[in-house]
C-alpha atoms as a PDB file:
ATOM      1  CA  MET A   1       0.000   0.000   0.000  1.00  0.00           C
ATOM      2  CA  PRO A   2       1.352   3.479  -0.862  1.00  0.00           C
ATOM      3  CA  ARG A   3       2.038   5.847   1.983  1.00  0.00           C
ATOM      4  CA  VAL A   4      -0.587   8.565   2.561  1.00  0.00           C
ATOM      5  CA  ALA A   5       1.991  11.238   1.712  1.00  0.00           C
ATOM      6  CA  ASP A   6       2.729   9.522  -1.598  1.00  0.00           C
ATOM      7  CA  HIS A   7      -0.962   9.265  -2.367  1.00  0.00           C
ATOM      8  CA  GLU A   8      -1.562  12.981  -1.784  1.00  0.00           C
ATOM      9  CA  GLU A   9       1.597  13.978  -3.623  1.00  0.00           C
ATOM     10  CA  ARG A  10       0.518  11.991  -6.670  1.00  0.00           C
ATOM     11  CA  ARG A  11      -2.972  13.521  -6.622  1.00  0.00           C
ATOM     12  CA  LEU A  12      -1.429  17.003  -6.460  1.00  0.00           C
ATOM     13  CA  GLN A  13       0.851  16.094  -9.357  1.00  0.00           C
ATOM     14  CA  VAL A  14      -2.191  15.190 -11.428  1.00  0.00           C
ATOM     15  CA  ALA A  15      -4.016  18.369 -10.355  1.00  0.00           C
ATOM     16  CA  ALA A  16      -1.058  20.480 -11.440  1.00  0.00           C
ATOM     17  CA  ALA A  17      -1.044  18.717 -14.800  1.00  0.00           C
ATOM     18  CA  VAL A  18      -4.769  19.429 -15.233  1.00  0.00           C
ATOM     19  CA  GLY A  19      -4.041  23.095 -14.555  1.00  0.00           C
ATOM     20  CA  ARG A  20      -1.309  23.239 -17.173  1.00  0.00           C
ATOM     21  CA  VAL A  21      -3.539  21.619 -19.801  1.00  0.00           C
ATOM     22  CA  ILE A  22      -6.356  24.075 -19.066  1.00  0.00           C
ATOM     23  CA  ALA A  23      -3.973  27.034 -19.108  1.00  0.00           C
ATOM     24  CA  ALA A  24      -2.655  25.947 -22.497  1.00  0.00           C
ATOM     25  CA  ASP A  25      -5.777  24.794 -24.322  1.00  0.00           C
ATOM     26  CA  GLY A  26      -8.848  25.168 -22.118  1.00  0.00           C
ATOM     27  CA  LEU A  27     -11.022  22.864 -20.065  1.00  0.00           C
ATOM     28  CA  ASN A  28     -12.337  20.887 -23.028  1.00  0.00           C
ATOM     29  CA  ALA A  29      -8.793  19.763 -23.811  1.00  0.00           C
ATOM     30  CA  VAL A  30      -8.525  17.885 -20.516  1.00  0.00           C
ATOM     31  CA  THR A  31      -8.660  14.120 -20.862  1.00  0.00           C
ATOM     32  CA  VAL A  32      -7.259  11.426 -18.627  1.00  0.00           C
ATOM     33  CA  ALA A  33      -4.770  10.467 -21.329  1.00  0.00           C
ATOM     34  CA  ARG A  34      -3.508  14.002 -21.911  1.00  0.00           C
ATOM     35  CA  THR A  35      -3.337  14.681 -18.179  1.00  0.00           C
ATOM     36  CA  ALA A  36      -1.285  11.528 -17.681  1.00  0.00           C
ATOM     37  CA  ALA A  37       1.103  12.571 -20.437  1.00  0.00           C
ATOM     38  CA  GLU A  38       1.408  16.081 -18.988  1.00  0.00           C
ATOM     39  CA  ALA A  39       2.095  14.644 -15.537  1.00  0.00           C
ATOM     40  CA  GLY A  40       4.600  12.147 -16.908  1.00  0.00           C
ATOM     41  CA  ILE A  41       2.763   9.120 -15.545  1.00  0.00           C
ATOM     42  CA  SER A  42       0.621   6.345 -16.984  1.00  0.00           C
ATOM     43  CA  VAL A  43      -3.112   6.518 -17.643  1.00  0.00           C
ATOM     44  CA  GLY A  44      -3.550   3.584 -15.309  1.00  0.00           C
ATOM     45  CA  LEU A  45      -1.859   5.435 -12.481  1.00  0.00           C
ATOM     46  CA  VAL A  46      -4.138   8.451 -12.961  1.00  0.00           C
ATOM     47  CA  GLN A  47      -7.127   6.118 -12.879  1.00  0.00           C
ATOM     48  CA  HIS A  48      -5.764   4.529  -9.715  1.00  0.00           C
ATOM     49  CA  TYR A  49      -6.027   7.859  -7.899  1.00  0.00           C
ATOM     50  CA  PHE A  50      -9.158   9.183  -9.619  1.00  0.00           C
ATOM     51  CA  ARG A  51     -12.072   6.941 -10.530  1.00  0.00           C
ATOM     52  CA  SER A  52     -13.295   9.291 -13.255  1.00  0.00           C
ATOM     53  CA  LYS A  53     -12.421  12.425 -15.181  1.00  0.00           C
ATOM     54  CA  ASP A  54     -15.050  14.354 -13.218  1.00  0.00           C
ATOM     55  CA  GLU A  55     -13.467  13.313  -9.922  1.00  0.00           C
ATOM     56  CA  MET A  56     -10.089  14.417 -11.242  1.00  0.00           C
ATOM     57  CA  LEU A  57     -11.480  17.803 -12.296  1.00  0.00           C
ATOM     58  CA  LEU A  58     -13.218  18.284  -8.963  1.00  0.00           C
ATOM     59  CA  PHE A  59      -9.976  17.717  -7.089  1.00  0.00           C
ATOM     60  CA  ALA A  60      -8.044  19.995  -9.452  1.00  0.00           C
ATOM     61  CA  TYR A  61     -10.524  22.842  -8.934  1.00  0.00           C
ATOM     62  CA  GLY A  62     -10.363  22.438  -5.178  1.00  0.00           C
ATOM     63  CA  HIS A  63      -6.577  22.571  -5.396  1.00  0.00           C
ATOM     64  CA  VAL A  64      -6.649  25.877  -7.289  1.00  0.00           C
ATOM     65  CA  LEU A  65      -8.979  27.412  -4.710  1.00  0.00           C
ATOM     66  CA  GLU A  66      -6.762  26.101  -1.923  1.00  0.00           C
ATOM     67  CA  ARG A  67      -3.708  27.715  -3.527  1.00  0.00           C
ATOM     68  CA  PHE A  68      -5.452  31.095  -3.388  1.00  0.00           C
ATOM     69  CA  GLU A  69      -6.282  30.617   0.291  1.00  0.00           C
ATOM     70  CA  GLN A  70      -2.772  29.454   1.162  1.00  0.00           C
ATOM     71  CA  ARG A  71      -1.329  32.664  -0.263  1.00  0.00           C
ATOM     72  CA  VAL A  72      -3.738  34.717   1.816  1.00  0.00           C
ATOM     73  CA  THR A  73      -3.048  32.733   4.997  1.00  0.00           C
ATOM     74  CA  ALA A  74       0.713  33.038   4.569  1.00  0.00           C
ATOM     75  CA  LEU A  75       0.524  36.810   4.114  1.00  0.00           C
ATOM     76  CA  ILE A  76      -1.763  37.306   7.099  1.00  0.00           C
ATOM     77  CA  GLY A  77       0.494  35.199   9.283  1.00  0.00           C
ATOM     78  CA  SER A  78       3.608  37.185   8.403  1.00  0.00           C
ATOM     79  CA  ALA A  79       1.747  40.483   8.800  1.00  0.00           C
ATOM     80  CA  GLU A  80       0.603  39.568  12.310  1.00  0.00           C
ATOM     81  CA  VAL A  81       4.199  38.980  13.320  1.00  0.00           C
ATOM     82  CA  VAL A  82       5.365  42.429  12.240  1.00  0.00           C
ATOM     83  CA  GLY A  83       2.208  44.229  13.412  1.00  0.00           C
ATOM     84  CA  THR A  84       1.025  45.453  10.022  1.00  0.00           C
ATOM     85  CA  ARG A  85      -1.979  47.783   9.856  1.00  0.00           C
ATOM     86  CA  ILE A  86      -5.106  45.640   9.280  1.00  0.00           C
ATOM     87  CA  GLU A  87      -6.070  47.668   6.201  1.00  0.00           C
ATOM     88  CA  HIS A  88      -2.748  46.734   4.641  1.00  0.00           C
ATOM     89  CA  MET A  89      -3.198  43.084   5.599  1.00  0.00           C
ATOM     90  CA  VAL A  90      -6.473  43.014   3.714  1.00  0.00           C
ATOM     91  CA  LEU A  91      -4.924  44.745   0.705  1.00  0.00           C
ATOM     92  CA  ASP A  92      -1.996  42.324   0.578  1.00  0.00           C
ATOM     93  CA  ALA A  93      -4.230  39.299   1.113  1.00  0.00           C
ATOM     94  CA  LEU A  94      -6.594  40.266  -1.706  1.00  0.00           C
ATOM     95  CA  ALA A  95      -3.701  41.140  -3.985  1.00  0.00           C
ATOM     96  CA  ALA A  96      -2.237  37.689  -3.372  1.00  0.00           C
ATOM     97  CA  SER A  97      -5.158  36.132  -5.238  1.00  0.00           C
ATOM     98  CA  MET A  98      -5.184  38.605  -8.137  1.00  0.00           C
ATOM     99  CA  PRO A  99      -3.557  37.734 -11.509  1.00  0.00           C
ATOM    100  CA  LEU A 100      -0.529  39.977 -11.009  1.00  0.00           C
ATOM    101  CA  ASP A 101       2.091  37.559 -12.345  1.00  0.00           C
ATOM    102  CA  ALA A 102       2.358  34.550 -14.650  1.00  0.00           C
ATOM    103  CA  GLU A 103       1.695  31.970 -11.925  1.00  0.00           C
ATOM    104  CA  ARG A 104      -1.417  33.685 -10.644  1.00  0.00           C
ATOM    105  CA  ARG A 105      -2.667  34.356 -14.177  1.00  0.00           C
ATOM    106  CA  GLN A 106      -2.482  30.620 -14.835  1.00  0.00           C
ATOM    107  CA  ASP A 107      -4.369  29.902 -11.623  1.00  0.00           C
ATOM    108  CA  TRP A 108      -7.058  32.381 -12.669  1.00  0.00           C
ATOM    109  CA  ARG A 109      -7.230  30.879 -16.156  1.00  0.00           C
ATOM    110  CA  VAL A 110      -7.951  27.539 -14.526  1.00  0.00           C
ATOM    111  CA  ALA A 111     -10.356  28.998 -11.963  1.00  0.00           C
ATOM    112  CA  LEU A 112     -12.346  30.866 -14.616  1.00  0.00           C
ATOM    113  CA  ALA A 113     -12.625  27.745 -16.751  1.00  0.00           C
ATOM    114  CA  PHE A 114     -14.033  25.856 -13.794  1.00  0.00           C
ATOM    115  CA  THR A 115     -16.339  28.726 -12.836  1.00  0.00           C
ATOM    116  CA  GLY A 116     -18.131  28.402 -16.159  1.00  0.00           C
ATOM    117  CA  ARG A 117     -18.475  24.660 -15.728  1.00  0.00           C
ATOM    118  CA  ALA A 118     -19.688  25.121 -12.134  1.00  0.00           C
ATOM    119  CA  ALA A 119     -22.940  26.609 -13.449  1.00  0.00           C
ATOM    120  CA  ASP A 120     -23.881  23.121 -14.654  1.00  0.00           C
ATOM    121  CA  ASP A 121     -22.050  20.965 -12.121  1.00  0.00           C
ATOM    122  CA  PRO A 122     -23.439  21.246  -8.563  1.00  0.00           C
ATOM    123  CA  ARG A 123     -20.293  19.776  -7.007  1.00  0.00           C
ATOM    124  CA  LEU A 124     -18.061  22.410  -8.605  1.00  0.00           C
ATOM    125  CA  GLY A 125     -20.628  25.035  -7.668  1.00  0.00           C
ATOM    126  CA  GLU A 126     -20.467  23.974  -4.039  1.00  0.00           C
ATOM    127  CA  LEU A 127     -16.687  24.382  -4.023  1.00  0.00           C
ATOM    128  CA  LYS A 128     -17.009  27.862  -5.506  1.00  0.00           C
ATOM    129  CA  THR A 129     -19.714  28.888  -3.045  1.00  0.00           C
ATOM    130  CA  ALA A 130     -17.700  27.620  -0.087  1.00  0.00           C
ATOM    131  CA  ALA A 131     -14.622  29.523  -1.267  1.00  0.00           C
ATOM    132  CA  LEU A 132     -16.605  32.750  -1.626  1.00  0.00           C
ATOM    133  CA  ASN A 133     -18.088  32.279   1.846  1.00  0.00           C
ATOM    134  CA  ARG A 134     -14.645  31.805   3.348  1.00  0.00           C
ATOM    135  CA  THR A 135     -13.314  34.894   1.581  1.00  0.00           C
ATOM    136  CA  ARG A 136     -16.139  37.070   2.912  1.00  0.00           C
ATOM    137  CA  ALA A 137     -15.719  35.553   6.371  1.00  0.00           C
ATOM    138  CA  HIS A 138     -11.990  36.396   6.416  1.00  0.00           C
ATOM    139  CA  ILE A 139     -12.699  39.972   5.355  1.00  0.00           C
ATOM    140  CA  ALA A 140     -15.555  40.326   7.845  1.00  0.00           C
ATOM    141  CA  GLN A 141     -13.259  39.151  10.648  1.00  0.00           C
ATOM    142  CA  ALA A 142     -10.651  41.661   9.562  1.00  0.00           C
ATOM    143  CA  VAL A 143     -13.273  44.425   9.737  1.00  0.00           C
ATOM    144  CA  VAL A 144     -14.344  43.272  13.207  1.00  0.00           C
ATOM    145  CA  ASN A 145     -10.744  43.341  14.379  1.00  0.00           C
ATOM    146  CA  ALA A 146     -10.251  46.745  12.794  1.00  0.00           C
ATOM    147  CA  LYS A 147     -13.323  48.068  14.591  1.00  0.00           C
ATOM    148  CA  GLU A 148     -11.866  46.873  17.899  1.00  0.00           C
ATOM    149  CA  CYS A 149      -8.548  48.460  16.999  1.00  0.00           C
ATOM    150  CA  GLY A 150     -10.043  51.743  15.794  1.00  0.00           C
ATOM    151  CA  GLU A 151      -9.199  51.514  12.102  1.00  0.00           C
ATOM    152  CA  VAL A 152     -12.871  51.061  11.129  1.00  0.00           C
ATOM    153  CA  ASP A 153     -15.817  53.013  12.495  1.00  0.00           C
ATOM    154  CA  ALA A 154     -17.740  50.970  15.053  1.00  0.00           C
ATOM    155  CA  GLY A 155     -21.031  51.626  13.256  1.00  0.00           C
ATOM    156  CA  ARG A 156     -20.058  49.770  10.090  1.00  0.00           C
ATOM    157  CA  ASP A 157     -21.555  46.327   9.503  1.00  0.00           C
ATOM    158  CA  GLU A 158     -18.715  43.875   8.913  1.00  0.00           C
ATOM    159  CA  HIS A 159     -20.809  41.598   6.682  1.00  0.00           C
ATOM    160  CA  VAL A 160     -21.902  44.462   4.442  1.00  0.00           C
ATOM    161  CA  GLU A 161     -18.360  45.773   4.196  1.00  0.00           C
ATOM    162  CA  ALA A 162     -17.010  42.285   3.501  1.00  0.00           C
ATOM    163  CA  ALA A 163     -19.481  41.850   0.639  1.00  0.00           C
ATOM    164  CA  ARG A 164     -18.543  45.230  -0.836  1.00  0.00           C
ATOM    165  CA  ILE A 165     -14.805  44.647  -0.557  1.00  0.00           C
ATOM    166  CA  ALA A 166     -14.998  41.122  -1.974  1.00  0.00           C
ATOM    167  CA  ALA A 167     -17.165  42.242  -4.885  1.00  0.00           C
ATOM    168  CA  TYR A 168     -14.905  45.194  -5.657  1.00  0.00           C
ATOM    169  CA  ALA A 169     -11.790  43.022  -5.594  1.00  0.00           C
ATOM    170  CA  GLU A 170     -13.398  40.371  -7.786  1.00  0.00           C
ATOM    171  CA  GLY A 171     -14.486  43.010 -10.291  1.00  0.00           C
ATOM    172  CA  LEU A 172     -10.970  44.408 -10.488  1.00  0.00           C
ATOM    173  CA  THR A 173      -9.615  40.898 -10.894  1.00  0.00           C
ATOM    174  CA  SER A 174     -11.931  40.207 -13.848  1.00  0.00           C
ATOM    175  CA  HIS A 175     -10.842  43.397 -15.608  1.00  0.00           C
ATOM    176  CA  LEU A 176      -7.184  42.790 -14.775  1.00  0.00           C
ATOM    177  CA  TYR A 177      -7.284  39.271 -16.190  1.00  0.00           C
ATOM    178  CA  ALA A 178      -9.215  40.164 -19.334  1.00  0.00           C
ATOM    179  CA  ASP A 179      -7.434  43.448 -20.106  1.00  0.00           C
ATOM    180  CA  PRO A 180      -4.053  43.712 -18.346  1.00  0.00           C
ATOM    181  CA  GLU A 181      -2.932  46.466 -20.730  1.00  0.00           C
ATOM    182  CA  GLY A 182      -6.047  48.564 -20.171  1.00  0.00           C
ATOM    183  CA  LEU A 183      -5.856  47.987 -16.408  1.00  0.00           C
ATOM    184  CA  PRO A 184      -2.197  47.520 -15.420  1.00  0.00           C
ATOM    185  CA  PRO A 185      -1.487  45.762 -12.102  1.00  0.00           C
ATOM    186  CA  ALA A 186      -0.326  48.995 -10.471  1.00  0.00           C
ATOM    187  CA  ALA A 187      -3.581  50.731 -11.360  1.00  0.00           C
ATOM    188  CA  ALA A 188      -5.649  47.811 -10.077  1.00  0.00           C
ATOM    189  CA  LEU A 189      -3.798  47.797  -6.772  1.00  0.00           C
ATOM    190  CA  ALA A 190      -4.147  51.571  -6.450  1.00  0.00           C
ATOM    191  CA  ALA A 191      -7.898  51.320  -7.037  1.00  0.00           C
ATOM    192  CA  LEU A 192      -8.232  48.562  -4.430  1.00  0.00           C
ATOM    193  CA  ALA A 193      -6.155  50.518  -1.932  1.00  0.00           C
ATOM    194  CA  ASP A 194      -8.341  53.584  -2.466  1.00  0.00           C
ATOM    195  CA  HIS A 195     -11.499  51.531  -1.898  1.00  0.00           C
ATOM    196  CA  LEU A 196     -10.140  50.074   1.339  1.00  0.00           C
ATOM    197  CA  ALA A 197      -9.033  53.498   2.532  1.00  0.00           C
ATOM    198  CA  GLY A 198     -12.694  54.512   2.465  1.00  0.00           C
ATOM    199  CA  VAL A 199     -13.491  51.734   4.939  1.00  0.00           C
ATOM    200  CA  PHE A 200     -10.396  51.735   7.159  1.00  0.00           C
ATOM    201  CA  THR A 201     -10.559  55.428   7.964  1.00  0.00           C
ATOM    202  CA  GLY A 202      -9.303  55.433  11.546  1.00  0.00           C
ATOM    203  CA  VAL A 203      -6.065  55.027  13.425  1.00  0.00           C
ATOM    204  CA  CYS A 204      -5.410  51.970  15.564  1.00  0.00           C
ATOM    205  CA  THR A 205      -5.486  52.829  19.256  1.00  0.00           C
ATOM    206  CA  LEU A 206      -3.679  49.657  20.282  1.00  0.00           C
ATOM    207  CA  ARG A 207      -0.243  50.470  18.868  1.00  0.00           C
ATOM    208  CA  ASP A 208       1.263  50.255  22.347  1.00  0.00           C
ATOM    209  CA  ARG A 209       0.628  46.506  22.400  1.00  0.00           C
ATOM    210  CA  GLU A 210       3.060  43.914  21.167  1.00  0.00           C
ATOM    211  CA  PRO A 211       2.359  43.020  17.494  1.00  0.00           C
ATOM    212  CA  GLY A 212       1.149  39.541  18.408  1.00  0.00           C
ATOM    213  CA  GLU A 213      -1.309  40.902  20.981  1.00  0.00           C
ATOM    214  CA  ARG A 214      -3.285  43.377  18.926  1.00  0.00           C
ATOM    215  CA  PRO A 215      -6.328  42.366  16.853  1.00  0.00           C
ATOM    216  CA  ALA A 216      -5.376  41.148  13.405  1.00  0.00           C
ATOM    217  CA  ALA A 217      -7.151  39.635  10.421  1.00  0.00           C
ATOM    218  CA  ARG A 218      -7.526  35.865  10.733  1.00  0.00           C
END
């Protein structure tokens, strides 16, 4: 029996191959045979880890969404250590999932391909919905923490603000991906920063605490 680590590593290898095929030729180009060739393994081995093409695609989509979240989590963790302003944490976290470089553009190419398919596949739709819920929840928690700190007015509703921020960032991302020359990365980031500045209007009153002790986005 293969070790659990080997099993997961092989599944991730296949997911990465699916992503490369989609990035090159689109979702319709994905087959078990082509994925196996892209991954450098046999068709039989792919079928050993995934019972069907749909199962393989479902795992690959979940992996792309997880990559976005891992970037966000890593940035938030490092920001908490240095005591970054919460507004800037949110900006950096959202920017981490925007198509600002070749790697993230490929991830978005894959994510957008799956988003279209998710309209007709409830399982893919559930993954997308769960990811959106988690994104809004992270932002809402950041707003709550910022209200406690003093960066956000106490009267603002964190769920409303989270929905606005998430929608604004997603809109910028769509434009940035489709028209990177018309909306350069620097302009997209400046627009997002300006939007956040309208929400995080205050000054943190807890600066005398140690960085790890003050409220921070989670």
